[in-house]
Amino acid sequence: DVEDRLREMHLPVLLLRGRGDPVAPQQWLERAA
């Protein structure tokens, strides 16, 4: 459950994706952020 771990990451995080990335779509990047 990656989302649970994201909630516990109390440090600055930058999330990046390629504009045409189907593995990490924009909706998931925003949800992760």
PDB file of all heavy atoms in Angstrom:
ATOM      1  N   ASP A   1       0.854  -1.187   0.000  1.00  0.00           N
ATOM      2  CA  ASP A   1       0.000   0.000   0.000  1.00  0.00           C
ATOM      3  C   ASP A   1       0.890   1.237   0.000  1.00  0.00           C
ATOM      4  O   ASP A   1       1.286   1.749   1.050  1.00  0.00           O
ATOM      5  CB  ASP A   1      -0.924   0.011   1.221  1.00  0.00           C
ATOM      6  CG  ASP A   1      -2.034   1.049   1.086  1.00  0.00           C
ATOM      7  OD1 ASP A   1      -1.839   2.009   0.314  1.00  0.00           O
ATOM      8  OD2 ASP A   1      -3.083   0.898   1.733  1.00  0.00           O
ATOM      9  N   VAL A   2       1.229   1.705  -1.184  1.00  0.00           N
ATOM     10  CA  VAL A   2       2.151   2.825  -1.303  1.00  0.00           C
ATOM     11  C   VAL A   2       1.559   4.100  -0.724  1.00  0.00           C
ATOM     12  O   VAL A   2       2.276   4.947  -0.178  1.00  0.00           O
ATOM     13  CB  VAL A   2       2.567   3.026  -2.784  1.00  0.00           C
ATOM     14  CG1 VAL A   2       1.383   3.427  -3.635  1.00  0.00           C
ATOM     15  CG2 VAL A   2       3.686   4.053  -2.894  1.00  0.00           C
ATOM     16  N   GLU A   3       0.231   4.257  -0.786  1.00  0.00           N
ATOM     17  CA  GLU A   3      -0.394   5.479  -0.295  1.00  0.00           C
ATOM     18  C   GLU A   3      -0.222   5.637   1.213  1.00  0.00           C
ATOM     19  O   GLU A   3      -0.034   6.753   1.721  1.00  0.00           O
ATOM     20  CB  GLU A   3      -1.867   5.513  -0.681  1.00  0.00           C
ATOM     21  CG  GLU A   3      -2.073   5.688  -2.183  1.00  0.00           C
ATOM     22  CD  GLU A   3      -3.528   5.764  -2.565  1.00  0.00           C
ATOM     23  OE1 GLU A   3      -4.164   4.690  -2.654  1.00  0.00           O
ATOM     24  OE2 GLU A   3      -4.043   6.884  -2.764  1.00  0.00           O
ATOM     25  N   ASP A   4      -0.293   4.537   1.953  1.00  0.00           N
ATOM     26  CA  ASP A   4      -0.063   4.610   3.392  1.00  0.00           C
ATOM     27  C   ASP A   4       1.343   5.104   3.693  1.00  0.00           C
ATOM     28  O   ASP A   4       1.553   5.898   4.614  1.00  0.00           O
ATOM     29  CB  ASP A   4      -0.287   3.242   4.038  1.00  0.00           C
ATOM     30  CG  ASP A   4      -1.766   2.917   4.203  1.00  0.00           C
ATOM     31  OD1 ASP A   4      -2.595   3.833   4.024  1.00  0.00           O
ATOM     32  OD2 ASP A   4      -2.086   1.751   4.496  1.00  0.00           O
ATOM     33  N   ARG A   5       2.309   4.641   2.922  1.00  0.00           N
ATOM     34  CA  ARG A   5       3.701   5.056   3.146  1.00  0.00           C
ATOM     35  C   ARG A   5       3.903   6.520   2.756  1.00  0.00           C
ATOM     36  O   ARG A   5       4.677   7.232   3.391  1.00  0.00           O
ATOM     37  CB  ARG A   5       4.660   4.145   2.393  1.00  0.00           C
ATOM     38  CG  ARG A   5       4.644   2.723   2.934  1.00  0.00           C
ATOM     39  CD  ARG A   5       5.833   1.904   2.556  1.00  0.00           C
ATOM     40  NE  ARG A   5       5.784   0.621   3.266  1.00  0.00           N
ATOM     41  CZ  ARG A   5       6.292   0.415   4.472  1.00  0.00           C
ATOM     42  NH1 ARG A   5       6.925   1.396   5.094  1.00  0.00           N
ATOM     43  NH2 ARG A   5       6.195  -0.762   5.050  1.00  0.00           N
ATOM     44  N   LEU A   6       3.225   6.969   1.715  1.00  0.00           N
ATOM     45  CA  LEU A   6       3.340   8.368   1.325  1.00  0.00           C
ATOM     46  C   LEU A   6       2.880   9.277   2.464  1.00  0.00           C
ATOM     47  O   LEU A   6       3.485  10.324   2.719  1.00  0.00           O
ATOM     48  CB  LEU A   6       2.508   8.636   0.071  1.00  0.00           C
ATOM     49  CG  LEU A   6       2.996   7.983  -1.226  1.00  0.00           C
ATOM     50  CD1 LEU A   6       2.001   8.237  -2.358  1.00  0.00           C
ATOM     51  CD2 LEU A   6       4.377   8.482  -1.621  1.00  0.00           C
ATOM     52  N   ARG A   7       1.823   8.890   3.150  1.00  0.00           N
ATOM     53  CA  ARG A   7       1.308   9.708   4.258  1.00  0.00           C
ATOM     54  C   ARG A   7       2.320   9.830   5.392  1.00  0.00           C
ATOM     55  O   ARG A   7       2.272  10.786   6.167  1.00  0.00           O
ATOM     56  CB  ARG A   7       0.012   9.099   4.787  1.00  0.00           C
ATOM     57  CG  ARG A   7      -1.161   9.143   3.822  1.00  0.00           C
ATOM     58  CD  ARG A   7      -2.439   8.649   4.476  1.00  0.00           C
ATOM     59  NE  ARG A   7      -3.566   8.658   3.556  1.00  0.00           N
ATOM     60  CZ  ARG A   7      -3.964   7.608   2.854  1.00  0.00           C
ATOM     61  NH1 ARG A   7      -3.320   6.457   2.969  1.00  0.00           N
ATOM     62  NH2 ARG A   7      -4.997   7.693   2.044  1.00  0.00           N
ATOM     63  N   GLU A   8       3.229   8.865   5.496  1.00  0.00           N
ATOM     64  CA  GLU A   8       4.212   8.861   6.584  1.00  0.00           C
ATOM     65  C   GLU A   8       5.527   9.537   6.199  1.00  0.00           C
ATOM     66  O   GLU A   8       6.442   9.604   7.017  1.00  0.00           O
ATOM     67  CB  GLU A   8       4.500   7.417   7.008  1.00  0.00           C
ATOM     68  CG  GLU A   8       3.285   6.667   7.537  1.00  0.00           C
ATOM     69  CD  GLU A   8       3.604   5.214   7.825  1.00  0.00           C
ATOM     70  OE1 GLU A   8       4.791   4.887   7.984  1.00  0.00           O
ATOM     71  OE2 GLU A   8       2.658   4.406   7.880  1.00  0.00           O
ATOM     72  N   MET A   9       5.614  10.042   4.989  1.00  0.00           N
ATOM     73  CA  MET A   9       6.859  10.658   4.511  1.00  0.00           C
ATOM     74  C   MET A   9       6.861  12.149   4.851  1.00  0.00           C
ATOM     75  O   MET A   9       6.376  12.979   4.077  1.00  0.00           O
ATOM     76  CB  MET A   9       7.030  10.432   3.013  1.00  0.00           C
ATOM     77  CG  MET A   9       7.318   8.989   2.648  1.00  0.00           C
ATOM     78  SD  MET A   9       7.478   8.689   0.860  1.00  0.00           S
ATOM     79  CE  MET A   9       8.898   9.727   0.444  1.00  0.00           C
ATOM     80  N   HIS A  10       7.408  12.487   5.998  1.00  0.00           N
ATOM     81  CA  HIS A  10       7.430  13.873   6.460  1.00  0.00           C
ATOM     82  C   HIS A  10       8.736  14.538   6.042  1.00  0.00           C
ATOM     83  O   HIS A  10       9.607  14.844   6.868  1.00  0.00           O
ATOM     84  CB  HIS A  10       7.228  13.903   7.971  1.00  0.00           C
ATOM     85  CG  HIS A  10       5.909  13.350   8.395  1.00  0.00           C
ATOM     86  ND1 HIS A  10       4.727  14.064   8.288  1.00  0.00           N
ATOM     87  CD2 HIS A  10       5.572  12.130   8.894  1.00  0.00           C
ATOM     88  CE1 HIS A  10       3.727  13.331   8.724  1.00  0.00           C
ATOM     89  NE2 HIS A  10       4.208  12.146   9.089  1.00  0.00           N
ATOM     90  N   LEU A  11       8.859  14.758   4.735  1.00  0.00           N
ATOM     91  CA  LEU A  11      10.029  15.387   4.150  1.00  0.00           C
ATOM     92  C   LEU A  11       9.618  15.965   2.808  1.00  0.00           C
ATOM     93  O   LEU A  11       8.588  15.576   2.254  1.00  0.00           O
ATOM     94  CB  LEU A  11      11.179  14.389   3.981  1.00  0.00           C
ATOM     95  CG  LEU A  11      11.053  13.317   2.895  1.00  0.00           C
ATOM     96  CD1 LEU A  11      12.398  12.696   2.601  1.00  0.00           C
ATOM     97  CD2 LEU A  11      10.059  12.238   3.293  1.00  0.00           C
ATOM     98  N   PRO A  12      10.377  16.911   2.262  1.00  0.00           N
ATOM     99  CA  PRO A  12      10.026  17.466   0.951  1.00  0.00           C
ATOM    100  C   PRO A  12      10.124  16.397  -0.140  1.00  0.00           C
ATOM    101  O   PRO A  12      11.114  15.663  -0.214  1.00  0.00           O
ATOM    102  CB  PRO A  12      11.073  18.566   0.746  1.00  0.00           C
ATOM    103  CG  PRO A  12      11.590  18.875   2.103  1.00  0.00           C
ATOM    104  CD  PRO A  12      11.548  17.589   2.860  1.00  0.00           C
ATOM    105  N   VAL A  13       9.095  16.334  -0.984  1.00  0.00           N
ATOM    106  CA  VAL A  13       9.046  15.337  -2.053  1.00  0.00           C
ATOM    107  C   VAL A  13       8.663  16.012  -3.370  1.00  0.00           C
ATOM    108  O   VAL A  13       7.738  16.818  -3.425  1.00  0.00           O
ATOM    109  CB  VAL A  13       8.026  14.222  -1.739  1.00  0.00           C
ATOM    110  CG1 VAL A  13       7.993  13.192  -2.873  1.00  0.00           C
ATOM    111  CG2 VAL A  13       8.349  13.537  -0.416  1.00  0.00           C
ATOM    112  N   LEU A  14       9.413  15.676  -4.412  1.00  0.00           N
ATOM    113  CA  LEU A  14       9.101  16.117  -5.772  1.00  0.00           C
ATOM    114  C   LEU A  14       8.648  14.909  -6.575  1.00  0.00           C
ATOM    115  O   LEU A  14       9.352  13.906  -6.639  1.00  0.00           O
ATOM    116  CB  LEU A  14      10.333  16.753  -6.429  1.00  0.00           C
ATOM    117  CG  LEU A  14      10.236  17.034  -7.937  1.00  0.00           C
ATOM    118  CD1 LEU A  14       9.163  18.083  -8.220  1.00  0.00           C
ATOM    119  CD2 LEU A  14      11.590  17.489  -8.483  1.00  0.00           C
ATOM    120  N   LEU A  15       7.466  15.002  -7.186  1.00  0.00           N
ATOM    121  CA  LEU A  15       6.950  13.943  -8.044  1.00  0.00           C
ATOM    122  C   LEU A  15       7.029  14.395  -9.492  1.00  0.00           C
ATOM    123  O   LEU A  15       6.535  15.481  -9.839  1.00  0.00           O
ATOM    124  CB  LEU A  15       5.506  13.589  -7.693  1.00  0.00           C
ATOM    125  CG  LEU A  15       5.265  13.074  -6.277  1.00  0.00           C
ATOM    126  CD1 LEU A  15       4.652  14.174  -5.416  1.00  0.00           C
ATOM    127  CD2 LEU A  15       4.362  11.847  -6.265  1.00  0.00           C
ATOM    128  N   LEU A  16       7.633  13.565 -10.335  1.00  0.00           N
ATOM    129  CA  LEU A  16       7.822  13.880 -11.747  1.00  0.00           C
ATOM    130  C   LEU A  16       7.261  12.754 -12.611  1.00  0.00           C
ATOM    131  O   LEU A  16       7.292  11.587 -12.226  1.00  0.00           O
ATOM    132  CB  LEU A  16       9.311  14.046 -12.061  1.00  0.00           C
ATOM    133  CG  LEU A  16      10.078  15.172 -11.366  1.00  0.00           C
ATOM    134  CD1 LEU A  16      11.567  15.017 -11.624  1.00  0.00           C
ATOM    135  CD2 LEU A  16       9.585  16.524 -11.835  1.00  0.00           C
ATOM    136  N   ARG A  17       6.789  13.111 -13.789  1.00  0.00           N
ATOM    137  CA  ARG A  17       6.383  12.120 -14.778  1.00  0.00           C
ATOM    138  C   ARG A  17       6.615  12.696 -16.165  1.00  0.00           C
ATOM    139  O   ARG A  17       6.660  13.913 -16.359  1.00  0.00           O
ATOM    140  CB  ARG A  17       4.911  11.719 -14.621  1.00  0.00           C
ATOM    141  CG  ARG A  17       3.930  12.839 -14.916  1.00  0.00           C
ATOM    142  CD  ARG A  17       2.475  12.388 -14.783  1.00  0.00           C
ATOM    143  NE  ARG A  17       2.092  11.458 -15.835  1.00  0.00           N
ATOM    144  CZ  ARG A  17       1.556  11.822 -17.009  1.00  0.00           C
ATOM    145  NH1 ARG A  17       1.354  13.102 -17.287  1.00  0.00           N
ATOM    146  NH2 ARG A  17       1.223  10.926 -17.909  1.00  0.00           N
ATOM    147  N   GLY A  18       6.780  11.795 -17.137  1.00  0.00           N
ATOM    148  CA  GLY A  18       6.798  12.220 -18.518  1.00  0.00           C
ATOM    149  C   GLY A  18       5.379  12.490 -18.983  1.00  0.00           C
ATOM    150  O   GLY A  18       4.438  11.802 -18.554  1.00  0.00           O
ATOM    151  N   ARG A  19       5.205  13.454 -19.849  1.00  0.00           N
ATOM    152  CA  ARG A  19       3.858  13.848 -20.273  1.00  0.00           C
ATOM    153  C   ARG A  19       3.090  12.678 -20.897  1.00  0.00           C
ATOM    154  O   ARG A  19       1.865  12.603 -20.772  1.00  0.00           O
ATOM    155  CB  ARG A  19       3.955  15.007 -21.275  1.00  0.00           C
ATOM    156  CG  ARG A  19       2.634  15.689 -21.563  1.00  0.00           C
ATOM    157  CD  ARG A  19       2.838  16.937 -22.394  1.00  0.00           C
ATOM    158  NE  ARG A  19       3.677  17.906 -21.712  1.00  0.00           N
ATOM    159  CZ  ARG A  19       3.235  18.757 -20.783  1.00  0.00           C
ATOM    160  NH1 ARG A  19       1.965  18.742 -20.432  1.00  0.00           N
ATOM    161  NH2 ARG A  19       4.065  19.619 -20.227  1.00  0.00           N
ATOM    162  N   GLY A  20       3.778  11.754 -21.541  1.00  0.00           N
ATOM    163  CA  GLY A  20       3.098  10.632 -22.181  1.00  0.00           C
ATOM    164  C   GLY A  20       3.226   9.328 -21.421  1.00  0.00           C
ATOM    165  O   GLY A  20       3.088   8.256 -22.020  1.00  0.00           O
ATOM    166  N   ASP A  21       3.475   9.378 -20.120  1.00  0.00           N
ATOM    167  CA  ASP A  21       3.724   8.174 -19.316  1.00  0.00           C
ATOM    168  C   ASP A  21       2.411   7.467 -18.965  1.00  0.00           C
ATOM    169  O   ASP A  21       1.630   7.976 -18.155  1.00  0.00           O
ATOM    170  CB  ASP A  21       4.458   8.564 -18.034  1.00  0.00           C
ATOM    171  CG  ASP A  21       4.869   7.367 -17.192  1.00  0.00           C
ATOM    172  OD1 ASP A  21       4.483   6.232 -17.526  1.00  0.00           O
ATOM    173  OD2 ASP A  21       5.579   7.569 -16.189  1.00  0.00           O
ATOM    174  N   PRO A  22       2.145   6.270 -19.525  1.00  0.00           N
ATOM    175  CA  PRO A  22       0.929   5.540 -19.169  1.00  0.00           C
ATOM    176  C   PRO A  22       1.072   4.742 -17.869  1.00  0.00           C
ATOM    177  O   PRO A  22       0.074   4.307 -17.289  1.00  0.00           O
ATOM    178  CB  PRO A  22       0.736   4.588 -20.361  1.00  0.00           C
ATOM    179  CG  PRO A  22       2.130   4.312 -20.833  1.00  0.00           C
ATOM    180  CD  PRO A  22       2.914   5.581 -20.581  1.00  0.00           C
ATOM    181  N   VAL A  23       2.300   4.527 -17.401  1.00  0.00           N
ATOM    182  CA  VAL A  23       2.524   3.778 -16.166  1.00  0.00           C
ATOM    183  C   VAL A  23       2.206   4.638 -14.945  1.00  0.00           C
ATOM    184  O   VAL A  23       1.655   4.156 -13.944  1.00  0.00           O
ATOM    185  CB  VAL A  23       3.974   3.260 -16.095  1.00  0.00           C
ATOM    186  CG1 VAL A  23       4.223   2.499 -14.801  1.00  0.00           C
ATOM    187  CG2 VAL A  23       4.285   2.378 -17.305  1.00  0.00           C
ATOM    188  N   ALA A  24       2.555   5.909 -15.023  1.00  0.00           N
ATOM    189  CA  ALA A  24       2.279   6.862 -13.942  1.00  0.00           C
ATOM    190  C   ALA A  24       1.474   8.022 -14.521  1.00  0.00           C
ATOM    191  O   ALA A  24       2.017   9.098 -14.792  1.00  0.00           O
ATOM    192  CB  ALA A  24       3.577   7.368 -13.324  1.00  0.00           C
ATOM    193  N   PRO A  25       0.166   7.840 -14.728  1.00  0.00           N
ATOM    194  CA  PRO A  25      -0.653   8.899 -15.323  1.00  0.00           C
ATOM    195  C   PRO A  25      -0.784  10.109 -14.401  1.00  0.00           C
ATOM    196  O   PRO A  25      -0.533  10.031 -13.196  1.00  0.00           O
ATOM    197  CB  PRO A  25      -2.006   8.211 -15.543  1.00  0.00           C
ATOM    198  CG  PRO A  25      -2.018   7.063 -14.594  1.00  0.00           C
ATOM    199  CD  PRO A  25      -0.606   6.623 -14.446  1.00  0.00           C
ATOM    200  N   GLN A  26      -1.198  11.234 -14.968  1.00  0.00           N
ATOM    201  CA  GLN A  26      -1.273  12.482 -14.220  1.00  0.00           C
ATOM    202  C   GLN A  26      -2.219  12.371 -13.023  1.00  0.00           C
ATOM    203  O   GLN A  26      -1.947  12.910 -11.943  1.00  0.00           O
ATOM    204  CB  GLN A  26      -1.732  13.624 -15.133  1.00  0.00           C
ATOM    205  CG  GLN A  26      -1.737  14.993 -14.480  1.00  0.00           C
ATOM    206  CD  GLN A  26      -0.348  15.471 -14.073  1.00  0.00           C
ATOM    207  OE1 GLN A  26       0.642  15.052 -14.657  1.00  0.00           O
ATOM    208  NE2 GLN A  26      -0.287  16.345 -13.083  1.00  0.00           N
ATOM    209  N   GLN A  27      -3.339  11.671 -13.202  1.00  0.00           N
ATOM    210  CA  GLN A  27      -4.298  11.521 -12.101  1.00  0.00           C
ATOM    211  C   GLN A  27      -3.655  10.835 -10.897  1.00  0.00           C
ATOM    212  O   GLN A  27      -3.895  11.224  -9.743  1.00  0.00           O
ATOM    213  CB  GLN A  27      -5.514  10.718 -12.567  1.00  0.00           C
ATOM    214  CG  GLN A  27      -6.596  10.585 -11.504  1.00  0.00           C
ATOM    215  CD  GLN A  27      -7.818   9.827 -12.021  1.00  0.00           C
ATOM    216  OE1 GLN A  27      -7.800   9.269 -13.127  1.00  0.00           O
ATOM    217  NE2 GLN A  27      -8.883   9.813 -11.233  1.00  0.00           N
ATOM    218  N   TRP A  28      -2.810   9.820 -11.150  1.00  0.00           N
ATOM    219  CA  TRP A  28      -2.131   9.132 -10.058  1.00  0.00           C
ATOM    220  C   TRP A  28      -1.069  10.034  -9.436  1.00  0.00           C
ATOM    221  O   TRP A  28      -0.911  10.054  -8.214  1.00  0.00           O
ATOM    222  CB  TRP A  28      -1.515   7.836 -10.556  1.00  0.00           C
ATOM    223  CG  TRP A  28      -0.439   7.248  -9.685  1.00  0.00           C
ATOM    224  CD1 TRP A  28       0.811   6.883 -10.061  1.00  0.00           C
ATOM    225  CD2 TRP A  28      -0.516   6.963  -8.276  1.00  0.00           C
ATOM    226  NE1 TRP A  28       1.519   6.389  -8.998  1.00  0.00           N
ATOM    227  CE2 TRP A  28       0.732   6.419  -7.885  1.00  0.00           C
ATOM    228  CE3 TRP A  28      -1.511   7.116  -7.314  1.00  0.00           C
ATOM    229  CZ2 TRP A  28       1.005   6.045  -6.574  1.00  0.00           C
ATOM    230  CZ3 TRP A  28      -1.236   6.732  -6.000  1.00  0.00           C
ATOM    231  CH2 TRP A  28       0.010   6.193  -5.642  1.00  0.00           C
ATOM    232  N   LEU A  29      -0.361  10.814 -10.251  1.00  0.00           N
ATOM    233  CA  LEU A  29       0.649  11.712  -9.706  1.00  0.00           C
ATOM    234  C   LEU A  29       0.003  12.713  -8.738  1.00  0.00           C
ATOM    235  O   LEU A  29       0.529  12.961  -7.645  1.00  0.00           O
ATOM    236  CB  LEU A  29       1.356  12.453 -10.840  1.00  0.00           C
ATOM    237  CG  LEU A  29       2.726  13.026 -10.496  1.00  0.00           C
ATOM    238  CD1 LEU A  29       3.778  11.923 -10.454  1.00  0.00           C
ATOM    239  CD2 LEU A  29       3.141  14.096 -11.505  1.00  0.00           C
ATOM    240  N   GLU A  30      -1.137  13.260  -9.138  1.00  0.00           N
ATOM    241  CA  GLU A  30      -1.823  14.230  -8.283  1.00  0.00           C
ATOM    242  C   GLU A  30      -2.382  13.559  -7.026  1.00  0.00           C
ATOM    243  O   GLU A  30      -2.357  14.145  -5.932  1.00  0.00           O
ATOM    244  CB  GLU A  30      -2.934  14.915  -9.076  1.00  0.00           C
ATOM    245  CG  GLU A  30      -2.396  15.785 -10.214  1.00  0.00           C
ATOM    246  CD  GLU A  30      -3.482  16.297 -11.127  1.00  0.00           C
ATOM    247  OE1 GLU A  30      -4.666  15.941 -10.900  1.00  0.00           O
ATOM    248  OE2 GLU A  30      -3.158  17.034 -12.079  1.00  0.00           O
ATOM    249  N   ARG A  31      -2.886  12.352  -7.175  1.00  0.00           N
ATOM    250  CA  ARG A  31      -3.396  11.615  -6.021  1.00  0.00           C
ATOM    251  C   ARG A  31      -2.261  11.315  -5.044  1.00  0.00           C
ATOM    252  O   ARG A  31      -2.422  11.470  -3.826  1.00  0.00           O
ATOM    253  CB  ARG A  31      -4.059  10.318  -6.490  1.00  0.00           C
ATOM    254  CG  ARG A  31      -4.557   9.417  -5.375  1.00  0.00           C
ATOM    255  CD  ARG A  31      -5.346   8.259  -5.955  1.00  0.00           C
ATOM    256  NE  ARG A  31      -5.657   7.244  -4.963  1.00  0.00           N
ATOM    257  CZ  ARG A  31      -6.428   6.177  -5.191  1.00  0.00           C
ATOM    258  NH1 ARG A  31      -6.977   6.018  -6.389  1.00  0.00           N
ATOM    259  NH2 ARG A  31      -6.658   5.295  -4.242  1.00  0.00           N
ATOM    260  N   ALA A  32      -1.113  10.900  -5.573  1.00  0.00           N
ATOM    261  CA  ALA A  32       0.038  10.623  -4.715  1.00  0.00           C
ATOM    262  C   ALA A  32       0.484  11.893  -3.996  1.00  0.00           C
ATOM    263  O   ALA A  32       0.797  11.871  -2.795  1.00  0.00           O
ATOM    264  CB  ALA A  32       1.184  10.049  -5.542  1.00  0.00           C
ATOM    265  N   ALA A  33       0.518  13.008  -4.719  1.00  0.00           N
ATOM    266  CA  ALA A  33       0.929  14.271  -4.112  1.00  0.00           C
ATOM    267  C   ALA A  33      -0.012  14.671  -2.983  1.00  0.00           C
ATOM    268  O   ALA A  33       0.420  15.224  -1.959  1.00  0.00           O
ATOM    269  CB  ALA A  33       0.981  15.366  -5.168  1.00  0.00           C
TER     270      ALA A  33
END
